[in-house]
Amino acid sequence: MRIGAIIKTAPAAALAALLAAAVLIACGPGNARKEAAAEKAVAEPVLAPTPPMGFNTWNKFGCNVDEKLIRETADALAETGMRDAGYKYLVIDDCWQVSRDADGRIVADPARFPGGMKALADYVHGKGLLFGLYTDLGPKTCAGRPGSAGFHDIDAAAYAKWGVDYIKVDWCNADGLDAPTEYTKFRDALRRTGRSIVLSICEWGRNDPWTWARGVGQLWRTTADIGDNWESVTWIIDANSHHYAAAGPGGWNDPDMLEVGNGGMTGEEYRAHFSLWAIMAAPLIAGNDLRAMTEETKSILLNREVIEVDQDPLGVQGRVVIDRGYGGQVWMKPLADGSKAVAFLNTTGRELDLYVRWSQIDLPAGPARVRDLWAHKDLDVHTDTGKTFDERFEVKVPAHGVVLVRIRPDQTP
């Protein structure tokens, strides 16, 4: 479970109209229609040019969701700096819905959400955030609430009317259904509303979504549900790592939501968890109680330098470039400015010495500068250059931990 803008520039609009008329006269109506279709395709916005960031209720609260929690979480996103760091989607997972009315329209729990979803979405939007909900393609959700089977257009219309910006669509109780077909139908229903809504595909990687989900949704789960423990995180990292070629601007592999701050792991493990999600260009969807974060949890979720790696506009998912075979790995993610984000991951219970050569991360031979993204400092070295590393970088990595650096060729004369 855890599973347009109308450009109001009259000269531009007038010019577009004149050009369209010229095309119609010169090329005939058939070609004009083709030109118009091509123009529309080009103009269609990319809904997730970088991996979505935000918050989802499920990991911490499960079915214990209500209007008060969502308003307080919206406040927390704004007041803690999370919103300004990029966490903009506030998503209510399962259990907000209870029934359908006589016309088949989905009904929010009136006891838990007495103000209704439209008013709640307005409150979230008023905080400079975007609003998300959950549904399921089966007749029932994973928690047994009404699903969207047979109600795609009715539900999509309701979401658009309420002001929903993001919809997570689960796959429980969907036996006998074809995932690519059903998710495409749901995408089309969303498009018919005329509202831009991010579609999060959550079928747990069972139907190889990395082979078909691009263009259907903006993110797709690649694994089973995450747990708040080191074994789950390392298993998911490995499972998600195999599909790096499928990710890129507008479509992202989703290894599930973050567990940072929920208490089941050490700070070292949570830093590794967050670092690897960033290297893998994964959606960063917090799943803890944002109203009561420790300073350590804030320091992880609000690390701007690590977030920059995840949100890099080049949009490449990092991959394993060295696997030592005994729990030590080196990951590399190329960044838009020509630098490389490199994560040294240690899944073992003892400290490891790891290193990487420039040739292994596609850096040119010669000196390079290295910045530690958790220590927030440029590293000094023992090479002849004095301030740069030459040909390789080596480091001690703590047990169940990570060292995350950014390496760039040294351009100093």
Protein backbone atom coordinates (compact mmCIF):
# COMPACT_ATOMS: atom_id res chain seq x y z
CA MET A 1 0.00 0.00 0.00
CA ARG A 2 2.79 1.87 0.97
CA ILE A 3 2.10 0.24 -0.65
CA GLY A 4 -2.71 26.17 -18.71
CA ALA A 5 -1.48 28.55 -17.85
CA ILE A 6 -2.95 31.01 -20.28
CA ILE A 7 -0.20 33.37 -21.33
CA LYS A 8 -1.96 36.69 -21.23
CA THR A 9 0.31 38.48 -23.65
CA ALA A 10 -1.90 39.74 -26.40
CA PRO A 11 0.87 40.25 -28.99
CA ALA A 12 2.00 36.64 -28.64
CA ALA A 13 -1.57 35.36 -28.89
CA ALA A 14 -2.25 37.49 -31.94
CA LEU A 15 0.93 36.29 -33.62
CA ALA A 16 0.00 32.66 -32.91
CA ALA A 17 -3.42 33.17 -34.48
CA LEU A 18 -1.92 34.75 -37.60
CA LEU A 19 0.57 31.92 -37.94
CA ALA A 20 -2.19 29.32 -37.55
CA ALA A 21 -4.22 31.01 -40.26
CA ALA A 22 -1.22 31.12 -42.56
CA VAL A 23 -0.63 27.42 -42.06
CA LEU A 24 -4.28 26.67 -42.81
CA ILE A 25 -4.18 28.66 -46.06
CA ALA A 26 -0.80 27.45 -47.25
CA CYS A 27 -0.99 23.81 -46.25
CA GLY A 28 -4.68 22.94 -46.21
CA PRO A 29 -6.80 21.81 -43.28
CA GLY A 30 -5.25 18.34 -42.98
CA ASN A 31 -1.74 19.62 -42.50
CA ALA A 32 -3.01 22.39 -40.23
CA ARG A 33 -4.54 19.80 -37.92
CA LYS A 34 -1.24 17.95 -37.81
CA GLU A 35 0.59 21.16 -37.00
CA ALA A 36 -1.90 21.95 -34.23
CA ALA A 37 -1.53 18.46 -32.76
CA ALA A 38 2.25 18.77 -32.83
CA GLU A 39 2.09 22.18 -31.17
CA LYS A 40 -0.17 20.80 -28.42
CA ALA A 41 2.19 17.87 -27.82
CA VAL A 42 5.14 20.22 -27.47
CA ALA A 43 3.22 22.54 -25.15
CA GLU A 44 2.03 19.79 -22.77
CA PRO A 45 3.84 20.38 -19.46
CA VAL A 46 6.25 17.92 -17.92
CA LEU A 47 4.64 17.27 -14.55
CA ALA A 48 7.72 15.94 -12.77
CA PRO A 49 10.89 17.26 -14.41
CA THR A 50 12.70 16.28 -11.20
CA PRO A 51 11.68 13.60 -8.68
CA PRO A 52 8.61 14.70 -6.67
CA MET A 53 9.23 15.75 -3.07
CA GLY A 54 6.70 15.96 -0.29
CA PHE A 55 5.01 14.08 2.55
CA ASN A 56 2.68 11.06 2.73
CA THR A 57 0.67 10.00 5.77
CA TRP A 58 0.98 6.22 5.54
CA ASN A 59 4.36 5.29 7.05
CA LYS A 60 3.71 7.08 10.34
CA PHE A 61 -0.06 7.36 10.65
CA GLY A 62 -1.62 4.55 8.57
CA CYS A 63 -5.40 4.91 8.74
CA ASN A 64 -5.25 7.38 11.62
CA VAL A 65 -5.71 10.43 9.40
CA ASP A 66 -7.95 13.44 9.81
CA GLU A 67 -8.36 17.08 8.90
CA LYS A 68 -6.46 18.32 11.96
CA LEU A 69 -3.40 16.20 11.13
CA ILE A 70 -3.30 17.47 7.55
CA ARG A 71 -3.63 21.12 8.52
CA GLU A 72 -0.95 20.79 11.18
CA THR A 73 1.33 18.95 8.75
CA ALA A 74 0.85 21.71 6.18
CA ASP A 75 1.82 24.20 8.87
CA ALA A 76 4.88 22.13 9.73
CA LEU A 77 5.99 21.85 6.10
CA ALA A 78 5.98 25.62 5.91
CA GLU A 79 7.40 26.42 9.35
CA THR A 80 10.26 23.89 9.46
CA GLY A 81 11.71 24.89 6.10
CA MET A 82 10.63 21.66 4.42
CA ARG A 83 8.51 23.46 1.84
CA ASP A 84 11.33 25.84 0.95
CA ALA A 85 13.71 22.88 0.61
CA GLY A 86 11.42 21.40 -2.07
CA TYR A 87 8.91 19.24 -0.17
CA LYS A 88 5.77 20.57 -1.82
CA TYR A 89 3.27 17.67 -2.09
CA LEU A 90 1.15 16.84 0.96
CA VAL A 91 -0.50 13.48 0.25
CA ILE A 92 -3.23 11.74 2.25
CA ASP A 93 -2.86 7.99 1.76
CA ASP A 94 -5.57 5.34 2.32
CA CYS A 95 -8.57 5.64 4.69
CA TRP A 96 -9.82 9.14 3.91
CA GLN A 97 -12.81 7.74 1.95
CA VAL A 98 -15.79 5.82 3.31
CA SER A 99 -18.45 5.32 0.63
CA ARG A 100 -20.07 6.52 -2.58
CA ASP A 101 -23.21 8.60 -2.85
CA ALA A 102 -26.28 7.78 -4.96
CA ASP A 103 -24.54 9.18 -8.05
CA GLY A 104 -21.39 7.11 -7.50
CA ARG A 105 -19.29 10.00 -6.23
CA ILE A 106 -16.62 9.20 -3.68
CA VAL A 107 -17.37 10.42 -0.15
CA ALA A 108 -14.71 11.57 2.32
CA ASP A 109 -15.15 10.45 5.91
CA PRO A 110 -17.42 13.19 7.34
CA ALA A 111 -16.30 12.51 10.91
CA ARG A 112 -12.60 12.82 10.15
CA PHE A 113 -12.85 15.44 7.39
CA PRO A 114 -15.89 17.54 8.31
CA GLY A 115 -14.79 20.50 6.20
CA GLY A 116 -14.51 18.41 3.05
CA MET A 117 -11.60 17.89 0.70
CA LYS A 118 -12.02 21.11 -1.26
CA ALA A 119 -11.60 23.27 1.83
CA LEU A 120 -8.66 21.14 2.97
CA ALA A 121 -6.97 21.43 -0.42
CA ASP A 122 -7.51 25.20 -0.29
CA TYR A 123 -5.77 25.31 3.11
CA VAL A 124 -2.83 23.30 1.79
CA HIS A 125 -2.57 25.50 -1.29
CA GLY A 126 -2.69 28.57 0.94
CA LYS A 127 0.54 27.38 2.54
CA GLY A 128 2.28 27.34 -0.84
CA LEU A 129 1.96 23.55 -1.09
CA LEU A 130 0.31 21.04 -3.41
CA PHE A 131 -2.39 18.58 -2.37
CA GLY A 132 -2.48 14.82 -2.96
CA LEU A 133 -4.84 11.90 -2.37
CA TYR A 134 -4.89 8.11 -2.68
CA THR A 135 -7.04 5.60 -4.50
CA ASP A 136 -6.84 2.04 -5.80
CA LEU A 137 -7.62 0.50 -9.19
CA GLY A 138 -9.48 -2.39 -7.59
CA PRO A 139 -13.02 -2.20 -6.20
CA LYS A 140 -11.56 -1.85 -2.70
CA THR A 141 -8.41 -0.14 -1.45
CA CYS A 142 -5.79 -2.02 0.55
CA ALA A 143 -7.61 -0.96 3.73
CA GLY A 144 -11.00 -2.02 2.35
CA ARG A 145 -12.28 1.44 1.44
CA PRO A 146 -14.01 2.16 -1.91
CA GLY A 147 -11.63 1.82 -4.84
CA SER A 148 -11.84 3.37 -8.30
CA ALA A 149 -12.74 0.27 -10.36
CA GLY A 150 -15.56 1.35 -12.67
CA PHE A 151 -15.37 4.96 -11.47
CA HIS A 152 -12.29 6.38 -13.18
CA ASP A 153 -13.95 9.43 -14.71
CA ILE A 154 -16.19 10.14 -11.72
CA ASP A 155 -13.24 10.02 -9.34
CA ALA A 156 -10.93 12.01 -11.59
CA ALA A 157 -13.59 14.72 -11.93
CA ALA A 158 -13.95 14.88 -8.14
CA TYR A 159 -10.20 15.18 -7.64
CA ALA A 160 -9.97 17.98 -10.18
CA LYS A 161 -12.91 19.81 -8.59
CA TRP A 162 -11.32 19.57 -5.15
CA GLY A 163 -7.97 20.89 -6.39
CA VAL A 164 -5.93 17.68 -6.19
CA ASP A 165 -2.42 17.95 -7.68
CA TYR A 166 -1.13 14.40 -7.06
CA ILE A 167 -2.85 11.04 -6.90
CA LYS A 168 -1.28 7.81 -5.63
CA VAL A 169 -3.00 4.82 -7.24
CA ASP A 170 -2.60 1.43 -5.57
CA TRP A 171 -3.08 -2.11 -6.92
CA CYS A 172 -4.82 -4.05 -4.14
CA ASN A 173 -7.80 -6.27 -5.02
CA ALA A 174 -6.92 -5.96 -8.72
CA ASP A 175 -6.78 -9.66 -9.56
CA GLY A 176 -7.46 -10.30 -13.23
CA LEU A 177 -6.76 -6.73 -14.29
CA ASP A 178 -3.94 -5.73 -16.65
CA ALA A 179 -1.79 -3.05 -15.01
CA PRO A 180 -0.61 -1.16 -18.13
CA THR A 181 -4.17 -1.04 -19.47
CA GLU A 182 -5.81 0.04 -16.22
CA TYR A 183 -3.26 2.68 -15.31
CA THR A 184 -3.46 4.10 -18.83
CA LYS A 185 -7.25 4.34 -18.50
CA PHE A 186 -6.84 6.18 -15.22
CA ARG A 187 -4.28 8.54 -16.76
CA ASP A 188 -6.71 9.30 -19.57
CA ALA A 189 -9.48 10.03 -17.07
CA LEU A 190 -7.20 12.49 -15.29
CA ARG A 191 -6.33 14.17 -18.57
CA ARG A 192 -9.99 14.58 -19.47
CA THR A 193 -10.44 16.79 -16.42
CA GLY A 194 -8.09 19.39 -17.87
CA ARG A 195 -6.17 19.63 -14.59
CA SER A 196 -2.50 18.73 -14.31
CA ILE A 197 -2.32 15.92 -11.75
CA VAL A 198 0.78 13.85 -11.02
CA LEU A 199 0.04 10.12 -11.21
CA SER A 200 1.96 7.90 -8.79
CA ILE A 201 1.73 4.26 -9.92
CA CYS A 202 1.88 1.90 -6.94
CA GLU A 203 1.77 -1.71 -8.13
CA TRP A 204 4.98 -2.62 -6.25
CA GLY A 205 6.97 -3.51 -9.36
CA ARG A 206 4.97 -6.68 -9.97
CA ASN A 207 4.23 -5.86 -13.60
CA ASP A 208 7.65 -4.44 -14.59
CA PRO A 209 6.46 -0.81 -14.71
CA TRP A 210 9.92 0.40 -15.71
CA THR A 211 9.13 -1.09 -19.15
CA TRP A 212 5.78 0.68 -19.74
CA ALA A 213 4.96 3.34 -17.11
CA ARG A 214 6.82 6.30 -18.63
CA GLY A 215 4.15 8.45 -20.26
CA VAL A 216 1.46 6.83 -18.13
CA GLY A 217 2.55 8.10 -14.72
CA GLN A 218 5.29 10.32 -13.40
CA LEU A 219 6.61 7.81 -10.86
CA TRP A 220 6.21 4.08 -10.45
CA ARG A 221 6.99 1.79 -7.54
CA THR A 222 9.71 -0.74 -8.25
CA THR A 223 9.61 -2.75 -5.02
CA ALA A 224 7.50 -4.10 -2.21
CA ASP A 225 6.69 -1.81 0.72
CA ILE A 226 9.52 -0.32 2.74
CA GLY A 227 9.98 -1.06 6.43
CA ASP A 228 11.63 1.09 9.08
CA ASN A 229 14.68 -1.14 9.37
CA TRP A 230 18.11 -1.51 7.79
CA GLU A 231 17.40 -4.87 6.14
CA SER A 232 14.39 -3.46 4.28
CA VAL A 233 16.28 -0.37 3.12
CA THR A 234 19.26 -2.33 1.79
CA TRP A 235 16.99 -4.85 0.05
CA ILE A 236 15.08 -2.04 -1.65
CA ILE A 237 18.29 -0.29 -2.70
CA ASP A 238 19.44 -3.45 -4.44
CA ALA A 239 16.07 -4.11 -6.10
CA ASN A 240 15.69 -0.56 -7.37
CA SER A 241 19.29 -0.35 -8.62
CA HIS A 242 18.65 -2.62 -11.60
CA HIS A 243 16.26 -0.21 -13.35
CA TYR A 244 18.37 2.96 -13.51
CA ALA A 245 18.05 3.24 -17.30
CA ALA A 246 14.27 3.77 -17.05
CA ALA A 247 14.46 6.95 -14.96
CA GLY A 248 14.70 10.50 -16.24
CA PRO A 249 12.90 13.85 -16.36
CA GLY A 250 9.15 13.26 -16.29
CA GLY A 251 9.33 9.65 -15.04
CA TRP A 252 11.03 8.15 -11.98
CA ASN A 253 11.65 4.79 -10.36
CA ASP A 254 10.04 4.90 -6.91
CA PRO A 255 11.63 2.74 -4.18
CA ASP A 256 8.86 3.82 -1.77
CA MET A 257 8.58 6.58 0.79
CA LEU A 258 11.18 7.67 3.32
CA GLU A 259 11.32 6.24 6.83
CA VAL A 260 13.72 8.90 8.12
CA GLY A 261 12.74 9.94 11.64
CA ASN A 262 10.36 7.09 12.46
CA GLY A 263 12.65 5.55 15.06
CA GLY A 264 13.50 2.13 13.70
CA MET A 265 17.04 2.95 12.53
CA THR A 266 20.09 4.83 13.75
CA GLY A 267 21.03 8.27 12.51
CA GLU A 268 23.85 6.69 10.49
CA GLU A 269 21.38 4.33 8.81
CA TYR A 270 18.92 7.13 8.09
CA ARG A 271 21.68 9.21 6.47
CA ALA A 272 22.56 6.24 4.28
CA HIS A 273 18.86 5.74 3.44
CA PHE A 274 18.45 9.40 2.43
CA SER A 275 21.76 9.48 0.52
CA LEU A 276 20.93 6.45 -1.59
CA TRP A 277 17.46 7.77 -2.42
CA ALA A 278 19.19 10.95 -3.63
CA ILE A 279 21.79 9.04 -5.68
CA MET A 280 18.98 6.96 -7.22
CA ALA A 281 17.02 10.10 -8.22
CA ALA A 282 14.13 8.73 -6.19
CA PRO A 283 11.07 10.72 -5.12
CA LEU A 284 11.74 12.15 -1.65
CA ILE A 285 8.44 11.63 0.14
CA ALA A 286 8.84 12.06 3.90
CA GLY A 287 6.82 9.66 6.05
CA ASN A 288 7.51 10.83 9.61
CA ASP A 289 5.66 13.16 11.96
CA LEU A 290 6.80 16.56 10.74
CA ARG A 291 5.26 18.25 13.78
CA ALA A 292 7.72 16.63 16.20
CA MET A 293 11.06 16.16 14.45
CA THR A 294 14.35 15.88 16.31
CA GLU A 295 17.21 18.11 15.25
CA GLU A 296 18.96 15.07 13.78
CA THR A 297 15.93 14.22 11.63
CA LYS A 298 15.72 17.82 10.43
CA SER A 299 19.43 17.81 9.57
CA ILE A 300 18.87 14.78 7.34
CA LEU A 301 15.65 15.77 5.58
CA LEU A 302 16.79 19.38 5.16
CA ASN A 303 20.30 18.71 3.85
CA ARG A 304 20.21 21.00 0.81
CA GLU A 305 23.41 19.59 -0.68
CA VAL A 306 22.02 16.06 -0.71
CA ILE A 307 18.67 17.29 -2.01
CA GLU A 308 20.52 19.01 -4.88
CA VAL A 309 21.89 15.62 -5.92
CA ASP A 310 18.40 14.14 -6.02
CA GLN A 311 16.92 17.16 -7.82
CA ASP A 312 19.72 17.63 -10.34
CA PRO A 313 18.13 18.69 -13.66
CA LEU A 314 20.14 16.19 -15.70
CA GLY A 315 17.81 13.61 -14.21
CA VAL A 316 20.10 10.57 -14.29
CA GLN A 317 19.57 7.78 -11.76
CA GLY A 318 22.87 6.82 -10.18
CA ARG A 319 24.22 3.31 -10.49
CA VAL A 320 26.71 0.98 -8.85
CA VAL A 321 30.15 1.38 -10.41
CA ILE A 322 32.05 -0.78 -7.91
CA ASP A 323 30.71 -3.70 -5.90
CA ARG A 324 33.29 -5.15 -3.55
CA GLY A 325 31.12 -8.20 -2.93
CA TYR A 326 31.40 -8.04 0.84
CA GLY A 327 28.95 -5.24 1.60
CA GLY A 328 30.90 -2.30 0.17
CA GLN A 329 29.66 -0.44 -2.90
CA VAL A 330 30.51 2.73 -4.78
CA TRP A 331 27.67 4.53 -6.56
CA MET A 332 27.96 7.34 -9.10
CA LYS A 333 25.43 9.86 -10.38
CA PRO A 334 26.51 12.35 -13.09
CA LEU A 335 25.31 15.91 -12.46
CA ALA A 336 24.40 18.70 -14.84
CA ASP A 337 27.45 20.84 -14.03
CA GLY A 338 29.86 18.06 -14.99
CA SER A 339 30.58 16.95 -11.45
CA LYS A 340 29.84 13.49 -10.07
CA ALA A 341 27.95 12.60 -6.92
CA VAL A 342 29.60 9.52 -5.42
CA ALA A 343 28.22 7.46 -2.55
CA PHE A 344 30.36 4.97 -0.66
CA LEU A 345 27.88 2.54 0.93
CA ASN A 346 28.73 0.11 3.69
CA THR A 347 25.97 -2.42 4.45
CA THR A 348 28.12 -4.42 6.89
CA GLY A 349 28.42 -4.15 10.65
CA ARG A 350 32.07 -3.06 10.57
CA GLU A 351 33.95 -0.07 9.20
CA LEU A 352 35.19 -0.45 5.62
CA ASP A 353 37.92 1.23 3.56
CA LEU A 354 36.60 2.07 0.09
CA TYR A 355 38.04 4.02 -2.82
CA VAL A 356 37.27 5.03 -6.37
CA ARG A 357 39.48 5.97 -9.32
CA TRP A 358 38.52 8.80 -11.67
CA SER A 359 38.43 6.35 -14.59
CA GLN A 360 35.68 4.41 -12.79
CA ILE A 361 33.37 7.45 -12.56
CA ASP A 362 34.06 8.97 -16.00
CA LEU A 363 36.16 11.85 -14.73
CA PRO A 364 39.19 13.04 -16.75
CA ALA A 365 42.63 12.22 -15.46
CA GLY A 366 44.18 14.86 -13.26
CA PRO A 367 43.38 16.77 -10.10
CA ALA A 368 39.84 17.07 -8.78
CA ARG A 369 38.11 18.68 -5.83
CA VAL A 370 36.03 16.66 -3.39
CA ARG A 371 33.25 17.98 -1.14
CA ASP A 372 31.70 15.96 1.69
CA LEU A 373 27.94 16.58 1.49
CA TRP A 374 27.20 15.53 5.07
CA ALA A 375 30.13 17.37 6.66
CA HIS A 376 29.38 20.35 4.38
CA LYS A 377 33.04 20.99 3.68
CA ASP A 378 35.65 20.70 0.96
CA LEU A 379 38.20 18.04 1.81
CA ASP A 380 41.94 18.66 2.03
CA VAL A 381 44.34 16.00 0.79
CA HIS A 382 47.84 14.63 1.06
CA THR A 383 48.73 14.79 -2.65
CA ASP A 384 51.31 17.04 -4.28
CA THR A 385 48.64 19.50 -5.35
CA GLY A 386 47.83 20.33 -1.73
CA LYS A 387 44.15 21.17 -2.29
CA THR A 388 42.96 18.60 -4.79
CA PHE A 389 42.83 14.84 -5.12
CA ASP A 390 44.68 13.26 -8.02
CA GLU A 391 43.34 10.16 -9.83
CA ARG A 392 41.48 8.61 -6.87
CA PHE A 393 39.65 9.18 -3.58
CA GLU A 394 39.59 6.80 -0.64
CA VAL A 395 37.62 6.95 2.57
CA LYS A 396 36.66 5.06 5.72
CA VAL A 397 32.93 4.29 5.76
CA PRO A 398 31.19 3.57 9.07
CA ALA A 399 29.16 0.41 9.65
CA HIS A 400 25.66 0.64 8.16
CA GLY A 401 26.70 4.01 6.80
CA VAL A 402 27.59 6.14 3.83
CA VAL A 403 30.02 8.79 2.74
CA LEU A 404 28.49 11.02 0.09
CA VAL A 405 30.75 13.36 -1.87
CA ARG A 406 30.66 15.56 -4.94
CA ILE A 407 33.75 15.31 -7.13
CA ARG A 408 34.57 17.86 -9.83
CA PRO A 409 37.64 18.36 -12.03
CA ASP A 410 39.90 21.07 -10.62
CA GLN A 411 39.93 24.02 -13.00
CA THR A 412 42.40 26.05 -10.92
CA PRO A 413 45.28 27.30 -13.13
